[in-house]
Amino acid sequence: MINAQTQKTSWLTKEAGEAQREWYVVDATGLTLGRLASKIAMVLRGKHKPTFTPNCDMGDFVIVLNAGGVRLTGTKPDKKVYIHHTLFPGGIKTKLAKHVLVEQPERAIKEAVWGMMPKGPLGRRVIKKLKIYRGGEHEHTAQKPKQLVVESRAPLPGHA
């Protein structure tokens, strides 16, 4: 029998406050909604860190600027529907994505990111670290946010 050394995987706990939080800022102008949301969700969850722990909030804060500059590809602006219920009988409200991007671009980004979060107490805690602004100014300069790079694929020939 060989005497093998075993290595233990270290798990960080939320009680110890071991998470090192960073602040990131991203400019959404000209970026595709889904690609932007997946990158934001990864950073909010902390999956980009080697200390990622699935059952704890290890992620960073993300600031999104120019939310109105985000875009949808293909026929999604005309076919994607955002649904909201007022909690009154017959109170279901629907809006097309092209109208939501003009009137409430923050909602489009937040719903896209929320769809990639775990549902439950952990997801609700993580989504609070997302700050979305319609314009190019934000009030978090004291946190000295770093630039978050999101690659946007070039549009296909024949597509806008």
C-alpha atoms as a PDB file:
ATOM      1  CA  MET A   1       0.000   0.000   0.000  1.00  0.00           C
ATOM      2  CA  ILE A   2       1.349   3.405  -1.032  1.00  0.00           C
ATOM      3  CA  ASN A   3       1.148   6.249   1.429  1.00  0.00           C
ATOM      4  CA  ALA A   4      -0.329   9.001  -0.726  1.00  0.00           C
ATOM      5  CA  GLN A   5      -0.592  12.578   0.418  1.00  0.00           C
ATOM      6  CA  THR A   6      -4.017  14.057   0.028  1.00  0.00           C
ATOM      7  CA  GLN A   7      -4.698  17.649  -0.758  1.00  0.00           C
ATOM      8  CA  LYS A   8      -7.788  19.257   0.645  1.00  0.00           C
ATOM      9  CA  THR A   9      -9.888  21.671  -1.332  1.00  0.00           C
ATOM     10  CA  SER A  10     -10.343  24.846   0.639  1.00  0.00           C
ATOM     11  CA  TRP A  11     -13.887  26.192   0.737  1.00  0.00           C
ATOM     12  CA  LEU A  12     -14.457  29.771   1.675  1.00  0.00           C
ATOM     13  CA  THR A  13     -17.322  30.575   3.987  1.00  0.00           C
ATOM     14  CA  LYS A  14     -19.570  33.579   4.025  1.00  0.00           C
ATOM     15  CA  GLU A  15     -19.250  33.938   7.797  1.00  0.00           C
ATOM     16  CA  ALA A  16     -15.500  34.499   7.632  1.00  0.00           C
ATOM     17  CA  GLY A  17     -15.876  37.411   5.209  1.00  0.00           C
ATOM     18  CA  GLU A  18     -13.135  35.975   3.037  1.00  0.00           C
ATOM     19  CA  ALA A  19     -14.458  37.321  -0.257  1.00  0.00           C
ATOM     20  CA  GLN A  20     -12.318  40.053  -1.800  1.00  0.00           C
ATOM     21  CA  ARG A  21     -14.724  42.383  -3.575  1.00  0.00           C
ATOM     22  CA  GLU A  22     -13.754  44.460  -6.600  1.00  0.00           C
ATOM     23  CA  TRP A  23     -15.755  47.025  -8.539  1.00  0.00           C
ATOM     24  CA  TYR A  24     -15.987  46.842 -12.327  1.00  0.00           C
ATOM     25  CA  VAL A  25     -17.480  49.279 -14.816  1.00  0.00           C
ATOM     26  CA  VAL A  26     -18.616  48.372 -18.329  1.00  0.00           C
ATOM     27  CA  ASP A  27     -19.872  50.600 -21.139  1.00  0.00           C
ATOM     28  CA  ALA A  28     -22.830  48.884 -22.833  1.00  0.00           C
ATOM     29  CA  THR A  29     -22.775  51.036 -25.982  1.00  0.00           C
ATOM     30  CA  GLY A  30     -22.994  48.794 -29.036  1.00  0.00           C
ATOM     31  CA  LEU A  31     -22.774  45.525 -27.088  1.00  0.00           C
ATOM     32  CA  THR A  32     -25.142  42.609 -27.612  1.00  0.00           C
ATOM     33  CA  LEU A  33     -27.491  42.105 -24.659  1.00  0.00           C
ATOM     34  CA  GLY A  34     -26.902  38.373 -24.168  1.00  0.00           C
ATOM     35  CA  ARG A  35     -23.104  38.533 -24.388  1.00  0.00           C
ATOM     36  CA  LEU A  36     -23.038  41.464 -21.989  1.00  0.00           C
ATOM     37  CA  ALA A  37     -25.391  39.726 -19.546  1.00  0.00           C
ATOM     38  CA  SER A  38     -23.402  36.487 -19.490  1.00  0.00           C
ATOM     39  CA  LYS A  39     -20.158  38.326 -18.722  1.00  0.00           C
ATOM     40  CA  ILE A  40     -21.858  40.381 -15.989  1.00  0.00           C
ATOM     41  CA  ALA A  41     -23.448  37.259 -14.472  1.00  0.00           C
ATOM     42  CA  MET A  42     -20.084  35.504 -14.342  1.00  0.00           C
ATOM     43  CA  VAL A  43     -18.457  38.436 -12.520  1.00  0.00           C
ATOM     44  CA  LEU A  44     -21.402  38.912 -10.131  1.00  0.00           C
ATOM     45  CA  ARG A  45     -21.298  35.232  -9.146  1.00  0.00           C
ATOM     46  CA  GLY A  46     -17.497  35.234  -8.780  1.00  0.00           C
ATOM     47  CA  LYS A  47     -16.907  32.469 -11.309  1.00  0.00           C
ATOM     48  CA  HIS A  48     -13.910  34.341 -12.720  1.00  0.00           C
ATOM     49  CA  LYS A  49     -12.023  33.880  -9.426  1.00  0.00           C
ATOM     50  CA  PRO A  50     -10.041  30.800  -8.392  1.00  0.00           C
ATOM     51  CA  THR A  51     -11.749  30.952  -4.979  1.00  0.00           C
ATOM     52  CA  PHE A  52     -15.264  30.452  -6.415  1.00  0.00           C
ATOM     53  CA  THR A  53     -17.573  28.738  -3.953  1.00  0.00           C
ATOM     54  CA  PRO A  54     -20.993  27.779  -5.362  1.00  0.00           C
ATOM     55  CA  ASN A  55     -22.977  28.225  -2.147  1.00  0.00           C
ATOM     56  CA  CYS A  56     -21.532  31.622  -1.161  1.00  0.00           C
ATOM     57  CA  ASP A  57     -21.614  35.123  -2.571  1.00  0.00           C
ATOM     58  CA  MET A  58     -18.011  35.560  -3.748  1.00  0.00           C
ATOM     59  CA  GLY A  59     -18.652  37.898  -6.679  1.00  0.00           C
ATOM     60  CA  ASP A  60     -17.788  41.477  -7.449  1.00  0.00           C
ATOM     61  CA  PHE A  61     -19.832  44.627  -8.046  1.00  0.00           C
ATOM     62  CA  VAL A  62     -20.614  45.622 -11.647  1.00  0.00           C
ATOM     63  CA  ILE A  63     -21.586  49.090 -12.883  1.00  0.00           C
ATOM     64  CA  VAL A  64     -23.212  49.274 -16.326  1.00  0.00           C
ATOM     65  CA  LEU A  65     -23.110  52.632 -18.095  1.00  0.00           C
ATOM     66  CA  ASN A  66     -25.043  53.731 -21.208  1.00  0.00           C
ATOM     67  CA  ALA A  67     -27.653  51.006 -20.816  1.00  0.00           C
ATOM     68  CA  GLY A  68     -29.628  52.497 -23.699  1.00  0.00           C
ATOM     69  CA  GLY A  69     -26.813  51.625 -26.107  1.00  0.00           C
ATOM     70  CA  VAL A  70     -27.262  47.868 -25.762  1.00  0.00           C
ATOM     71  CA  ARG A  71     -28.570  46.078 -28.858  1.00  0.00           C
ATOM     72  CA  LEU A  72     -30.418  42.927 -29.844  1.00  0.00           C
ATOM     73  CA  THR A  73     -29.614  40.914 -32.947  1.00  0.00           C
ATOM     74  CA  GLY A  74     -31.810  39.401 -35.603  1.00  0.00           C
ATOM     75  CA  THR A  75     -35.585  39.667 -35.164  1.00  0.00           C
ATOM     76  CA  LYS A  76     -35.469  39.821 -31.362  1.00  0.00           C
ATOM     77  CA  PRO A  77     -36.433  43.513 -31.171  1.00  0.00           C
ATOM     78  CA  ASP A  78     -39.722  42.719 -32.925  1.00  0.00           C
ATOM     79  CA  LYS A  79     -40.442  39.270 -31.439  1.00  0.00           C
ATOM     80  CA  LYS A  80     -39.031  39.188 -27.889  1.00  0.00           C
ATOM     81  CA  VAL A  81     -41.728  40.008 -25.337  1.00  0.00           C
ATOM     82  CA  TYR A  82     -41.269  41.228 -21.765  1.00  0.00           C
ATOM     83  CA  ILE A  83     -44.129  40.174 -19.499  1.00  0.00           C
ATOM     84  CA  HIS A  84     -45.188  41.805 -16.234  1.00  0.00           C
ATOM     85  CA  HIS A  85     -48.172  41.040 -14.029  1.00  0.00           C
ATOM     86  CA  THR A  86     -49.731  43.729 -11.836  1.00  0.00           C
ATOM     87  CA  LEU A  87     -51.048  41.088  -9.368  1.00  0.00           C
ATOM     88  CA  PHE A  88     -54.610  42.160 -10.151  1.00  0.00           C
ATOM     89  CA  PRO A  89     -56.990  39.833 -12.026  1.00  0.00           C
ATOM     90  CA  GLY A  90     -56.369  40.188 -15.759  1.00  0.00           C
ATOM     91  CA  GLY A  91     -53.359  42.383 -15.057  1.00  0.00           C
ATOM     92  CA  ILE A  92     -50.812  40.852 -17.408  1.00  0.00           C
ATOM     93  CA  LYS A  93     -48.850  43.466 -19.337  1.00  0.00           C
ATOM     94  CA  THR A  94     -46.612  42.784 -22.323  1.00  0.00           C
ATOM     95  CA  LYS A  95     -44.094  44.949 -24.150  1.00  0.00           C
ATOM     96  CA  LEU A  96     -41.935  44.283 -27.169  1.00  0.00           C
ATOM     97  CA  ALA A  97     -38.178  44.399 -26.673  1.00  0.00           C
ATOM     98  CA  LYS A  98     -37.754  47.382 -28.988  1.00  0.00           C
ATOM     99  CA  HIS A  99     -40.052  49.442 -26.747  1.00  0.00           C
ATOM    100  CA  VAL A 100     -38.359  48.250 -23.543  1.00  0.00           C
ATOM    101  CA  LEU A 101     -34.915  49.166 -24.901  1.00  0.00           C
ATOM    102  CA  VAL A 102     -36.140  52.716 -25.580  1.00  0.00           C
ATOM    103  CA  GLU A 103     -38.206  53.263 -22.421  1.00  0.00           C
ATOM    104  CA  GLN A 104     -36.486  51.071 -19.793  1.00  0.00           C
ATOM    105  CA  PRO A 105     -33.089  49.759 -20.974  1.00  0.00           C
ATOM    106  CA  GLU A 106     -32.128  49.086 -17.348  1.00  0.00           C
ATOM    107  CA  ARG A 107     -34.964  46.548 -17.118  1.00  0.00           C
ATOM    108  CA  ALA A 108     -33.763  44.678 -20.207  1.00  0.00           C
ATOM    109  CA  ILE A 109     -30.248  44.276 -18.805  1.00  0.00           C
ATOM    110  CA  LYS A 110     -31.408  43.387 -15.301  1.00  0.00           C
ATOM    111  CA  GLU A 111     -33.850  40.731 -16.544  1.00  0.00           C
ATOM    112  CA  ALA A 112     -31.205  39.210 -18.817  1.00  0.00           C
ATOM    113  CA  VAL A 113     -28.725  38.968 -15.945  1.00  0.00           C
ATOM    114  CA  TRP A 114     -31.370  37.707 -13.502  1.00  0.00           C
ATOM    115  CA  GLY A 115     -32.160  34.860 -15.899  1.00  0.00           C
ATOM    116  CA  MET A 116     -28.561  33.667 -15.460  1.00  0.00           C
ATOM    117  CA  MET A 117     -28.548  33.865 -11.650  1.00  0.00           C
ATOM    118  CA  PRO A 118     -29.508  31.104  -9.221  1.00  0.00           C
ATOM    119  CA  LYS A 119     -33.069  31.575  -8.073  1.00  0.00           C
ATOM    120  CA  GLY A 120     -33.470  31.930  -4.325  1.00  0.00           C
ATOM    121  CA  PRO A 121     -31.807  33.851  -1.496  1.00  0.00           C
ATOM    122  CA  LEU A 122     -28.312  33.638  -3.000  1.00  0.00           C
ATOM    123  CA  GLY A 123     -29.429  34.967  -6.378  1.00  0.00           C
ATOM    124  CA  ARG A 124     -31.378  37.809  -4.792  1.00  0.00           C
ATOM    125  CA  ARG A 125     -28.311  38.788  -2.795  1.00  0.00           C
ATOM    126  CA  VAL A 126     -25.997  38.642  -5.804  1.00  0.00           C
ATOM    127  CA  ILE A 127     -28.235  40.689  -8.141  1.00  0.00           C
ATOM    128  CA  LYS A 128     -28.117  43.614  -5.685  1.00  0.00           C
ATOM    129  CA  LYS A 129     -24.471  44.138  -6.645  1.00  0.00           C
ATOM    130  CA  LEU A 130     -25.502  45.134 -10.171  1.00  0.00           C
ATOM    131  CA  LYS A 131     -25.774  48.894 -10.695  1.00  0.00           C
ATOM    132  CA  ILE A 132     -27.244  50.038 -14.035  1.00  0.00           C
ATOM    133  CA  TYR A 133     -27.280  53.618 -15.335  1.00  0.00           C
ATOM    134  CA  ARG A 134     -28.880  54.918 -18.506  1.00  0.00           C
ATOM    135  CA  GLY A 135     -26.247  57.613 -19.009  1.00  0.00           C
ATOM    136  CA  GLY A 136     -22.481  57.715 -18.894  1.00  0.00           C
ATOM    137  CA  GLU A 137     -22.157  58.991 -15.309  1.00  0.00           C
ATOM    138  CA  HIS A 138     -22.248  57.002 -12.071  1.00  0.00           C
ATOM    139  CA  GLU A 139     -21.906  57.781  -8.379  1.00  0.00           C
ATOM    140  CA  HIS A 140     -19.375  55.070  -7.492  1.00  0.00           C
ATOM    141  CA  THR A 141     -16.104  56.843  -8.293  1.00  0.00           C
ATOM    142  CA  ALA A 142     -14.959  56.489  -4.672  1.00  0.00           C
ATOM    143  CA  GLN A 143     -14.780  52.699  -5.174  1.00  0.00           C
ATOM    144  CA  LYS A 144     -12.273  53.155  -8.050  1.00  0.00           C
ATOM    145  CA  PRO A 145     -13.899  50.671 -10.446  1.00  0.00           C
ATOM    146  CA  LYS A 146     -11.782  48.810 -12.985  1.00  0.00           C
ATOM    147  CA  GLN A 147     -12.740  48.520 -16.646  1.00  0.00           C
ATOM    148  CA  LEU A 148     -14.495  45.260 -17.542  1.00  0.00           C
ATOM    149  CA  VAL A 149     -13.797  44.121 -21.086  1.00  0.00           C
ATOM    150  CA  VAL A 150     -16.661  42.459 -22.945  1.00  0.00           C
ATOM    151  CA  GLU A 151     -15.875  41.160 -26.412  1.00  0.00           C
ATOM    152  CA  SER A 152     -18.524  41.922 -28.960  1.00  0.00           C
ATOM    153  CA  ARG A 153     -18.521  39.745 -32.027  1.00  0.00           C
ATOM    154  CA  ALA A 154     -18.573  41.610 -35.312  1.00  0.00           C
ATOM    155  CA  PRO A 155     -21.962  41.481 -37.020  1.00  0.00           C
ATOM    156  CA  LEU A 156     -22.462  38.921 -39.738  1.00  0.00           C
ATOM    157  CA  PRO A 157     -22.521  40.121 -43.340  1.00  0.00           C
ATOM    158  CA  GLY A 158     -25.987  41.364 -44.232  1.00  0.00           C
ATOM    159  CA  HIS A 159     -26.968  41.998 -40.587  1.00  0.00           C
ATOM    160  CA  ALA A 160     -27.046  45.330 -38.771  1.00  0.00           C
END
